């Protein structure tokens, strides 16, 4: 074999090893998050009246509240997806390409803008973030779920939404967005 052939073989082996390590890391992250929730709340048959939306855009991902890089790996929250975000009187509905996420008003804390979430940064608070709680074997966990809308002019109306969940009491966690640090 020539030197060029050996170079290609080594590059391919290193590439496959890196992909394997990334897959292993993602699997381990899913395993470590198994206690966050058993199942997410189901969409009710009667969600109430539409308050805002539907808003089209991209679901960025979800993280543990207060840490914009602690990405949730569990399905259906783990992957970016095109989606539609709609606010009803009883909660928020996020329709993704392969799943629907329901955030009951009882679990919603608030909706705000952020510049960074789930390892994605955008200028000027371009991500709409819903902070909500899930219940599982590990107890109550606050999550931040991000959505980058096609129409950002509606963000102020979305930010006015408030849920019934008590505000987070997370004094020792890092800020959830770069805007909050300023």
N, C-alpha and C. Protein backbone atom coordinates (compact mmCIF):
# COMPACT_ATOMS: atom_id res chain seq x y z
N UNK A 1 0.84 -1.18 0.00
CA UNK A 1 0.00 0.00 0.00
C UNK A 1 0.87 1.23 0.00
N UNK A 2 0.33 2.26 -0.61
CA UNK A 2 1.08 3.51 -0.70
C UNK A 2 0.84 4.37 0.54
N UNK A 3 1.64 5.40 0.64
CA UNK A 3 1.50 6.33 1.76
C UNK A 3 0.13 7.00 1.75
N UNK A 4 -0.40 7.35 0.58
CA UNK A 4 -1.72 7.98 0.48
C UNK A 4 -2.82 7.05 0.97
N UNK A 5 -2.72 5.78 0.67
CA UNK A 5 -3.72 4.82 1.10
C UNK A 5 -3.72 4.70 2.62
N UNK A 6 -2.52 4.62 3.21
CA UNK A 6 -2.43 4.54 4.67
C UNK A 6 -2.99 5.81 5.33
N UNK A 7 -2.75 6.95 4.74
CA UNK A 7 -3.29 8.21 5.28
C UNK A 7 -4.81 8.18 5.27
N UNK A 8 -5.40 7.72 4.18
CA UNK A 8 -6.86 7.64 4.09
C UNK A 8 -7.41 6.66 5.12
N UNK A 9 -6.76 5.53 5.27
CA UNK A 9 -7.21 4.52 6.24
C UNK A 9 -7.17 5.09 7.66
N UNK A 10 -6.08 5.76 8.01
CA UNK A 10 -5.94 6.33 9.35
C UNK A 10 -7.01 7.41 9.58
N UNK A 11 -7.23 8.27 8.61
CA UNK A 11 -8.24 9.33 8.74
C UNK A 11 -9.63 8.72 8.93
N UNK A 12 -9.96 7.70 8.17
CA UNK A 12 -11.27 7.05 8.28
C UNK A 12 -11.43 6.39 9.65
N UNK A 13 -10.40 5.72 10.12
CA UNK A 13 -10.46 5.06 11.43
C UNK A 13 -10.63 6.11 12.54
N UNK A 14 -9.87 7.20 12.49
CA UNK A 14 -10.00 8.25 13.50
C UNK A 14 -11.40 8.87 13.45
N UNK A 15 -11.90 9.12 12.25
CA UNK A 15 -13.24 9.67 12.10
C UNK A 15 -14.30 8.75 12.71
N UNK A 16 -14.24 7.46 12.40
CA UNK A 16 -15.20 6.50 12.94
C UNK A 16 -15.09 6.39 14.46
N UNK A 17 -13.87 6.47 14.99
CA UNK A 17 -13.69 6.43 16.43
C UNK A 17 -14.32 7.65 17.10
N UNK A 18 -14.17 8.82 16.50
CA UNK A 18 -14.78 10.03 17.04
C UNK A 18 -16.31 9.96 17.00
N UNK A 19 -16.87 9.49 15.91
CA UNK A 19 -18.32 9.33 15.81
C UNK A 19 -18.81 8.34 16.86
N UNK A 20 -18.09 7.24 17.05
CA UNK A 20 -18.46 6.26 18.07
C UNK A 20 -18.42 6.84 19.47
N UNK A 21 -17.40 7.65 19.77
CA UNK A 21 -17.30 8.28 21.08
C UNK A 21 -18.43 9.29 21.30
N UNK A 22 -18.81 10.02 20.26
CA UNK A 22 -19.93 10.96 20.39
C UNK A 22 -21.23 10.21 20.65
N UNK A 23 -21.46 9.11 19.94
CA UNK A 23 -22.67 8.31 20.16
C UNK A 23 -22.68 7.73 21.57
N UNK A 24 -21.54 7.28 22.05
CA UNK A 24 -21.43 6.75 23.41
C UNK A 24 -21.73 7.84 24.44
N UNK A 25 -21.21 9.03 24.23
CA UNK A 25 -21.48 10.14 25.13
C UNK A 25 -22.95 10.52 25.17
N UNK A 26 -23.60 10.54 24.00
CA UNK A 26 -25.02 10.87 23.93
C UNK A 26 -25.85 9.81 24.65
N UNK A 27 -25.48 8.53 24.48
CA UNK A 27 -26.19 7.44 25.16
C UNK A 27 -26.02 7.55 26.67
N UNK A 28 -24.82 7.87 27.12
CA UNK A 28 -24.57 8.01 28.56
C UNK A 28 -25.33 9.21 29.13
N UNK A 29 -25.46 10.28 28.35
CA UNK A 29 -26.23 11.44 28.80
C UNK A 29 -27.69 11.06 28.96
N UNK A 30 -28.24 10.32 28.00
CA UNK A 30 -29.63 9.84 28.10
C UNK A 30 -29.83 9.00 29.36
N UNK A 31 -28.88 8.11 29.61
CA UNK A 31 -28.96 7.25 30.79
C UNK A 31 -28.94 8.06 32.08
N UNK A 32 -28.07 9.05 32.14
CA UNK A 32 -27.97 9.86 33.37
C UNK A 32 -29.20 10.73 33.58
N UNK A 33 -29.98 10.97 32.52
CA UNK A 33 -31.18 11.79 32.64
C UNK A 33 -32.45 10.95 32.76
N UNK A 34 -32.30 9.66 32.97
CA UNK A 34 -33.47 8.77 33.04
C UNK A 34 -34.41 9.14 34.16
N UNK A 35 -33.92 9.73 35.24
CA UNK A 35 -34.76 10.08 36.37
C UNK A 35 -35.45 11.43 36.28
N UNK A 36 -35.21 12.17 35.19
CA UNK A 36 -35.84 13.48 35.06
C UNK A 36 -37.35 13.37 34.95
N UNK A 37 -37.82 12.46 34.08
CA UNK A 37 -39.26 12.26 33.91
C UNK A 37 -39.49 10.87 33.34
N UNK A 38 -40.64 10.29 33.73
CA UNK A 38 -41.02 9.00 33.15
C UNK A 38 -41.62 9.23 31.77
N UNK A 39 -42.65 10.06 31.72
CA UNK A 39 -43.26 10.46 30.46
C UNK A 39 -43.60 11.94 30.57
N UNK A 40 -43.67 12.59 29.44
CA UNK A 40 -44.07 13.99 29.43
C UNK A 40 -45.60 14.05 29.45
N UNK A 41 -46.17 15.17 29.89
CA UNK A 41 -47.63 15.29 29.92
C UNK A 41 -48.23 15.09 28.53
N UNK A 42 -49.38 14.44 28.49
CA UNK A 42 -50.08 14.21 27.22
C UNK A 42 -50.89 15.45 26.85
N UNK A 43 -51.06 15.64 25.55
CA UNK A 43 -51.87 16.75 25.06
C UNK A 43 -53.34 16.46 25.38
N UNK A 44 -54.01 17.39 26.06
CA UNK A 44 -55.42 17.13 26.38
C UNK A 44 -56.29 17.17 25.13
N UNK A 45 -57.41 16.48 25.20
CA UNK A 45 -58.34 16.48 24.06
C UNK A 45 -58.96 17.85 23.86
N UNK A 46 -59.12 18.60 24.94
CA UNK A 46 -59.65 19.96 24.88
C UNK A 46 -58.64 20.91 25.51
N UNK A 47 -57.68 21.44 24.74
CA UNK A 47 -56.66 22.31 25.32
C UNK A 47 -57.15 23.73 25.62
N UNK A 48 -58.35 24.05 25.23
CA UNK A 48 -58.87 25.39 25.45
C UNK A 48 -58.75 26.23 24.20
N UNK A 49 -58.93 27.52 24.39
CA UNK A 49 -58.87 28.46 23.27
C UNK A 49 -57.42 28.81 22.94
N UNK A 50 -57.17 29.12 21.68
CA UNK A 50 -55.83 29.56 21.27
C UNK A 50 -55.63 30.99 21.76
N UNK A 51 -54.54 31.21 22.48
CA UNK A 51 -54.19 32.53 22.99
C UNK A 51 -53.21 33.22 22.05
N UNK A 52 -52.19 32.49 21.61
CA UNK A 52 -51.17 33.00 20.68
C UNK A 52 -50.77 31.91 19.71
N UNK A 53 -50.42 32.32 18.51
CA UNK A 53 -49.89 31.37 17.54
C UNK A 53 -50.93 30.93 16.55
N UNK A 54 -50.60 29.93 15.81
CA UNK A 54 -49.36 29.16 15.83
C UNK A 54 -48.17 29.95 15.28
N UNK A 55 -47.04 29.72 15.89
CA UNK A 55 -45.79 30.37 15.54
C UNK A 55 -44.88 29.31 14.91
N UNK A 56 -44.44 29.53 13.69
CA UNK A 56 -43.57 28.56 13.03
C UNK A 56 -42.10 28.92 13.26
N UNK A 57 -41.25 27.90 13.21
CA UNK A 57 -39.83 28.13 13.40
C UNK A 57 -39.09 26.85 13.66
N UNK A 58 -38.04 26.94 14.50
CA UNK A 58 -37.19 25.80 14.80
C UNK A 58 -37.12 25.61 16.32
N UNK A 59 -37.41 24.39 16.75
CA UNK A 59 -37.22 24.02 18.15
C UNK A 59 -35.72 23.83 18.34
N UNK A 60 -35.14 24.60 19.25
CA UNK A 60 -33.69 24.59 19.48
C UNK A 60 -33.28 23.41 20.35
N UNK A 61 -34.04 23.13 21.38
CA UNK A 61 -33.71 22.07 22.31
C UNK A 61 -34.10 22.49 23.71
N UNK A 62 -33.85 21.61 24.66
CA UNK A 62 -34.16 21.89 26.06
C UNK A 62 -32.93 21.64 26.92
N UNK A 63 -32.83 22.40 27.99
CA UNK A 63 -31.72 22.27 28.93
C UNK A 63 -32.28 22.30 30.35
N UNK A 64 -31.45 21.94 31.31
CA UNK A 64 -31.83 22.16 32.70
C UNK A 64 -31.85 23.67 32.90
N UNK A 65 -32.85 24.14 33.60
CA UNK A 65 -32.99 25.58 33.83
C UNK A 65 -31.75 26.13 34.52
N UNK A 66 -31.30 27.25 34.01
CA UNK A 66 -30.16 27.91 34.61
C UNK A 66 -28.82 27.53 34.01
N UNK A 67 -28.78 26.53 33.16
CA UNK A 67 -27.52 26.12 32.53
C UNK A 67 -27.77 25.92 31.04
N UNK A 68 -27.48 26.91 30.25
CA UNK A 68 -27.82 26.90 28.83
C UNK A 68 -27.08 25.83 28.02
N UNK A 69 -26.09 25.17 28.62
CA UNK A 69 -25.37 24.12 27.91
C UNK A 69 -25.69 22.71 28.38
N UNK A 70 -26.50 22.56 29.42
CA UNK A 70 -26.84 21.24 29.95
C UNK A 70 -28.01 20.65 29.17
N UNK A 71 -27.75 20.29 27.94
CA UNK A 71 -28.78 19.84 27.00
C UNK A 71 -29.46 18.55 27.47
N UNK A 72 -30.77 18.51 27.30
CA UNK A 72 -31.55 17.31 27.60
C UNK A 72 -31.45 16.38 26.39
N UNK A 73 -31.11 15.12 26.62
CA UNK A 73 -30.93 14.16 25.52
C UNK A 73 -32.15 13.26 25.34
N UNK A 74 -33.05 13.23 26.31
CA UNK A 74 -34.20 12.33 26.25
C UNK A 74 -35.18 12.74 25.16
N UNK A 75 -35.77 11.74 24.53
CA UNK A 75 -36.77 11.99 23.50
C UNK A 75 -38.05 12.51 24.14
N UNK A 76 -38.79 13.38 23.52
CA UNK A 76 -38.58 14.03 22.24
C UNK A 76 -37.85 15.36 22.37
N UNK A 77 -37.29 15.65 23.54
CA UNK A 77 -36.67 16.95 23.78
C UNK A 77 -35.24 17.05 23.29
N UNK A 78 -34.64 15.95 22.85
CA UNK A 78 -33.22 15.91 22.59
C UNK A 78 -32.71 16.50 21.30
N UNK A 79 -33.53 16.62 20.27
CA UNK A 79 -33.00 17.01 18.96
C UNK A 79 -33.70 18.24 18.41
N UNK A 80 -32.95 19.03 17.67
CA UNK A 80 -33.53 20.19 16.98
C UNK A 80 -34.51 19.70 15.93
N UNK A 81 -35.52 20.54 15.68
CA UNK A 81 -36.54 20.14 14.73
C UNK A 81 -37.32 21.36 14.27
N UNK A 82 -37.80 21.32 13.05
CA UNK A 82 -38.76 22.32 12.62
C UNK A 82 -40.01 22.12 13.45
N UNK A 83 -40.71 23.20 13.75
CA UNK A 83 -41.87 23.03 14.61
C UNK A 83 -42.83 24.19 14.56
N UNK A 84 -43.91 24.02 15.31
CA UNK A 84 -44.95 25.02 15.47
C UNK A 84 -45.24 25.15 16.96
N UNK A 85 -45.32 26.38 17.43
CA UNK A 85 -45.52 26.67 18.84
C UNK A 85 -46.86 27.40 18.98
N UNK A 86 -47.75 26.88 19.82
CA UNK A 86 -49.07 27.46 20.00
C UNK A 86 -49.38 27.56 21.49
N UNK A 87 -49.92 28.70 21.91
CA UNK A 87 -50.33 28.89 23.31
C UNK A 87 -51.84 28.75 23.40
N UNK A 88 -52.27 27.88 24.30
CA UNK A 88 -53.68 27.68 24.60
C UNK A 88 -53.95 28.17 26.01
N UNK A 89 -55.22 28.26 26.38
CA UNK A 89 -55.55 28.70 27.73
C UNK A 89 -55.05 27.72 28.79
N UNK A 90 -54.89 26.44 28.43
CA UNK A 90 -54.46 25.46 29.44
C UNK A 90 -52.99 25.06 29.30
N UNK A 91 -52.26 25.64 28.36
CA UNK A 91 -50.84 25.31 28.23
C UNK A 91 -50.26 25.66 26.88
N UNK A 92 -49.03 25.20 26.66
CA UNK A 92 -48.31 25.44 25.41
C UNK A 92 -48.15 24.13 24.66
N UNK A 93 -48.36 24.17 23.35
CA UNK A 93 -48.21 22.99 22.51
C UNK A 93 -47.08 23.24 21.52
N UNK A 94 -46.13 22.31 21.50
CA UNK A 94 -45.00 22.37 20.60
C UNK A 94 -45.08 21.17 19.67
N UNK A 95 -45.44 21.42 18.42
CA UNK A 95 -45.53 20.35 17.43
C UNK A 95 -44.21 20.26 16.69
N UNK A 96 -43.52 19.13 16.86
CA UNK A 96 -42.24 18.89 16.21
C UNK A 96 -42.45 17.97 15.01
N UNK A 97 -41.40 17.71 14.28
CA UNK A 97 -41.51 16.86 13.09
C UNK A 97 -41.99 15.46 13.43
N UNK A 98 -41.58 14.92 14.57
CA UNK A 98 -41.93 13.54 14.89
C UNK A 98 -42.59 13.36 16.26
N UNK A 99 -42.97 14.45 16.93
CA UNK A 99 -43.59 14.35 18.25
C UNK A 99 -44.30 15.64 18.59
N UNK A 100 -45.10 15.58 19.63
CA UNK A 100 -45.77 16.75 20.18
C UNK A 100 -45.44 16.85 21.66
N UNK A 101 -45.04 18.04 22.09
CA UNK A 101 -44.71 18.28 23.49
C UNK A 101 -45.79 19.21 24.05
N UNK A 102 -46.37 18.82 25.17
CA UNK A 102 -47.39 19.62 25.85
C UNK A 102 -46.81 20.14 27.16
N UNK A 103 -46.88 21.45 27.35
CA UNK A 103 -46.44 22.08 28.59
C UNK A 103 -47.69 22.62 29.28
N UNK A 104 -48.20 21.90 30.28
CA UNK A 104 -49.40 22.38 30.97
C UNK A 104 -49.16 23.71 31.67
N UNK A 105 -50.18 24.53 31.71
CA UNK A 105 -50.06 25.82 32.37
C UNK A 105 -49.66 25.65 33.84
N UNK A 106 -50.08 24.57 34.46
CA UNK A 106 -49.73 24.30 35.85
C UNK A 106 -48.23 24.07 36.03
N UNK A 107 -47.54 23.65 34.96
CA UNK A 107 -46.10 23.39 35.03
C UNK A 107 -45.26 24.53 34.45
N UNK A 108 -45.90 25.47 33.78
CA UNK A 108 -45.19 26.59 33.15
C UNK A 108 -44.83 27.64 34.19
N UNK A 109 -43.58 28.09 34.17
CA UNK A 109 -43.15 29.16 35.07
C UNK A 109 -43.25 30.48 34.33
N UNK A 110 -42.56 30.61 33.21
CA UNK A 110 -42.63 31.84 32.42
C UNK A 110 -42.09 31.61 31.02
N UNK A 111 -42.20 32.65 30.19
CA UNK A 111 -41.65 32.65 28.83
C UNK A 111 -40.83 33.92 28.71
N UNK A 112 -39.61 33.79 28.19
CA UNK A 112 -38.72 34.94 28.05
C UNK A 112 -37.86 34.78 26.82
N UNK A 113 -37.07 35.79 26.52
CA UNK A 113 -36.10 35.74 25.42
C UNK A 113 -34.72 35.43 25.97
N UNK A 114 -33.92 34.77 25.13
CA UNK A 114 -32.53 34.49 25.49
C UNK A 114 -31.68 34.53 24.23
N UNK A 115 -30.39 34.68 24.43
CA UNK A 115 -29.45 34.67 23.31
C UNK A 115 -28.74 33.34 23.16
N UNK A 116 -28.86 32.47 24.17
CA UNK A 116 -28.15 31.19 24.13
C UNK A 116 -28.97 30.12 24.83
N UNK A 117 -29.03 28.96 24.18
CA UNK A 117 -29.70 27.81 24.78
C UNK A 117 -29.29 26.57 24.01
N UNK A 118 -29.08 25.48 24.72
CA UNK A 118 -28.77 24.18 24.13
C UNK A 118 -27.62 24.27 23.12
N UNK A 119 -26.56 24.97 23.55
CA UNK A 119 -25.34 25.13 22.74
C UNK A 119 -25.57 25.88 21.44
N UNK A 120 -26.60 26.70 21.39
CA UNK A 120 -26.86 27.54 20.22
C UNK A 120 -26.92 28.98 20.71
N UNK A 121 -26.20 29.86 20.04
CA UNK A 121 -26.25 31.27 20.38
C UNK A 121 -26.72 32.06 19.18
N UNK A 122 -27.54 33.06 19.45
CA UNK A 122 -28.05 33.96 18.41
C UNK A 122 -28.02 35.36 18.98
N UNK A 123 -27.87 36.37 18.14
CA UNK A 123 -27.80 37.73 18.66
C UNK A 123 -29.18 38.28 19.05
N UNK A 124 -29.16 39.20 19.99
CA UNK A 124 -30.34 39.98 20.30
C UNK A 124 -31.52 39.26 20.91
N UNK A 125 -31.31 38.22 21.66
CA UNK A 125 -32.43 37.54 22.30
C UNK A 125 -33.35 36.88 21.29
N UNK A 126 -32.80 36.20 20.32
CA UNK A 126 -33.59 35.61 19.25
C UNK A 126 -34.23 34.27 19.57
N UNK A 127 -34.06 33.77 20.79
CA UNK A 127 -34.65 32.49 21.16
C UNK A 127 -35.75 32.74 22.20
N UNK A 128 -36.92 32.22 21.93
CA UNK A 128 -38.03 32.27 22.87
C UNK A 128 -37.92 31.05 23.79
N UNK A 129 -37.82 31.27 25.09
CA UNK A 129 -37.56 30.19 26.04
C UNK A 129 -38.72 30.05 27.02
N UNK A 130 -39.28 28.84 27.07
CA UNK A 130 -40.32 28.52 28.05
C UNK A 130 -39.66 27.77 29.20
N UNK A 131 -39.78 28.30 30.40
CA UNK A 131 -39.27 27.61 31.59
C UNK A 131 -40.45 26.86 32.22
N UNK A 132 -40.26 25.55 32.41
CA UNK A 132 -41.34 24.72 32.94
C UNK A 132 -40.76 23.59 33.75
N UNK A 133 -41.61 22.89 34.46
CA UNK A 133 -41.13 21.82 35.34
C UNK A 133 -41.67 20.47 34.89
N UNK A 134 -40.84 19.46 35.09
CA UNK A 134 -41.24 18.08 34.88
C UNK A 134 -41.08 17.35 36.21
N UNK A 135 -41.85 16.29 36.36
CA UNK A 135 -41.80 15.51 37.60
C UNK A 135 -41.38 14.09 37.26
N UNK A 136 -40.47 13.56 38.03
CA UNK A 136 -39.99 12.20 37.79
C UNK A 136 -39.41 11.61 39.06
N UNK A 137 -38.76 10.47 38.92
CA UNK A 137 -38.15 9.82 40.09
C UNK A 137 -37.14 10.70 40.84
N UNK A 138 -36.49 11.62 40.12
CA UNK A 138 -35.53 12.51 40.76
C UNK A 138 -36.20 13.72 41.40
N UNK A 139 -37.54 13.81 41.33
CA UNK A 139 -38.27 14.95 41.88
C UNK A 139 -38.59 15.96 40.80
N UNK A 140 -38.79 17.20 41.22
CA UNK A 140 -39.12 18.28 40.30
C UNK A 140 -37.86 18.82 39.65
N UNK A 141 -37.89 18.93 38.32
CA UNK A 141 -36.76 19.49 37.59
C UNK A 141 -37.27 20.60 36.69
N UNK A 142 -36.62 21.76 36.74
CA UNK A 142 -36.99 22.86 35.87
C UNK A 142 -36.21 22.75 34.57
N UNK A 143 -36.92 22.93 33.46
CA UNK A 143 -36.33 22.87 32.13
C UNK A 143 -36.54 24.19 31.42
N UNK A 144 -35.63 24.52 30.53
CA UNK A 144 -35.78 25.63 29.60
C UNK A 144 -35.86 25.03 28.20
N UNK A 145 -36.97 25.28 27.50
CA UNK A 145 -37.14 24.78 26.14
C UNK A 145 -37.15 25.98 25.20
N UNK A 146 -36.30 25.93 24.17
CA UNK A 146 -36.12 27.07 23.29
C UNK A 146 -36.72 26.88 21.91
N UNK A 147 -37.22 27.98 21.37
CA UNK A 147 -37.85 28.00 20.05
C UNK A 147 -37.41 29.27 19.34
N UNK A 148 -36.86 29.14 18.14
CA UNK A 148 -36.47 30.29 17.33
C UNK A 148 -37.52 30.47 16.25
N UNK A 149 -38.33 31.50 16.40
CA UNK A 149 -39.47 31.71 15.52
C UNK A 149 -39.09 32.41 14.23
N UNK A 150 -39.89 32.16 13.21
CA UNK A 150 -39.72 32.88 11.94
C UNK A 150 -40.13 34.34 12.11
N UNK A 151 -41.15 34.60 12.94
CA UNK A 151 -41.66 35.96 13.18
C UNK A 151 -41.33 36.37 14.61
N UNK A 152 -40.25 37.12 14.77
CA UNK A 152 -39.82 37.52 16.11
C UNK A 152 -40.56 38.75 16.64
N UNK A 153 -41.39 39.37 15.81
CA UNK A 153 -42.16 40.53 16.25
C UNK A 153 -43.20 40.17 17.31
N UNK A 154 -43.57 38.89 17.40
CA UNK A 154 -44.58 38.47 18.38
C UNK A 154 -43.97 38.13 19.74
N UNK A 155 -42.66 38.16 19.86
CA UNK A 155 -42.01 37.76 21.12
C UNK A 155 -42.53 38.52 22.34
N UNK A 156 -42.75 39.85 22.27
CA UNK A 156 -43.25 40.54 23.48
C UNK A 156 -44.59 39.98 23.98
N UNK A 157 -45.47 39.58 23.09
CA UNK A 157 -46.74 38.99 23.53
C UNK A 157 -46.52 37.63 24.17
N UNK A 158 -45.57 36.85 23.66
CA UNK A 158 -45.26 35.56 24.25
C UNK A 158 -44.63 35.73 25.63
N UNK A 159 -43.79 36.75 25.77
CA UNK A 159 -43.13 36.98 27.06
C UNK A 159 -44.13 37.37 28.16
N UNK A 160 -45.29 37.85 27.78
CA UNK A 160 -46.31 38.21 28.76
C UNK A 160 -47.00 36.99 29.36
N UNK A 161 -46.80 35.81 28.75
CA UNK A 161 -47.42 34.59 29.26
C UNK A 161 -46.79 34.21 30.59
N UNK A 162 -47.63 33.83 31.52
CA UNK A 162 -47.15 33.33 32.81
C UNK A 162 -47.90 32.05 33.12
N UNK A 163 -47.22 31.14 33.75
CA UNK A 163 -47.85 29.89 34.14
C UNK A 163 -48.26 29.90 35.59
N UNK A 164 -48.76 28.77 36.04
CA UNK A 164 -49.22 28.64 37.42
C UNK A 164 -48.15 28.07 38.34
N UNK A 165 -47.04 27.59 37.78
CA UNK A 165 -45.97 27.01 38.61
C UNK A 165 -45.28 28.12 39.39
N UNK A 166 -44.81 27.76 40.57
CA UNK A 166 -44.11 28.75 41.38
C UNK A 166 -42.81 29.14 40.69
N UNK A 167 -42.36 30.38 40.88
CA UNK A 167 -41.11 30.79 40.25
C UNK A 167 -39.96 29.92 40.76
N UNK A 168 -38.96 29.75 39.91
CA UNK A 168 -37.83 28.88 40.31
C UNK A 168 -37.07 29.46 41.48
N UNK A 169 -36.64 28.58 42.36
CA UNK A 169 -35.78 28.98 43.47
C UNK A 169 -34.42 28.33 43.26
N UNK A 170 -33.67 28.92 42.34
CA UNK A 170 -32.37 28.37 41.96
C UNK A 170 -31.26 29.38 42.20
N UNK A 171 -30.97 29.74 43.45
CA UNK A 171 -29.97 30.78 43.69
C UNK A 171 -28.55 30.37 43.34
N UNK A 172 -28.24 29.07 43.32
CA UNK A 172 -26.85 28.66 43.13
C UNK A 172 -26.58 28.11 41.73
N UNK A 173 -27.48 28.32 40.79
CA UNK A 173 -27.22 27.84 39.43
C UNK A 173 -26.76 29.00 38.57
N UNK A 174 -26.01 28.71 37.51
CA UNK A 174 -25.54 29.78 36.63
C UNK A 174 -26.71 30.38 35.86
N UNK A 175 -26.47 31.57 35.33
CA UNK A 175 -27.49 32.25 34.53
C UNK A 175 -27.84 31.42 33.32
N UNK A 176 -29.10 31.52 32.88
CA UNK A 176 -29.56 30.68 31.78
C UNK A 176 -29.33 31.33 30.44
N UNK A 177 -28.98 32.58 30.41
CA UNK A 177 -28.71 33.20 29.11
C UNK A 177 -27.64 34.26 29.25
N UNK A 178 -27.05 34.60 28.14
CA UNK A 178 -26.01 35.61 28.16
C UNK A 178 -26.61 36.99 28.43
N UNK A 179 -27.87 37.20 28.07
CA UNK A 179 -28.50 38.49 28.32
C UNK A 179 -28.68 38.74 29.80
N UNK A 180 -28.99 37.68 30.57
CA UNK A 180 -29.20 37.86 32.00
C UNK A 180 -27.91 38.25 32.71
N UNK A 181 -26.76 37.98 32.12
CA UNK A 181 -25.48 38.32 32.74
C UNK A 181 -25.17 39.79 32.60
N UNK A 182 -25.82 40.46 31.66
CA UNK A 182 -25.51 41.87 31.41
C UNK A 182 -26.27 42.79 32.32
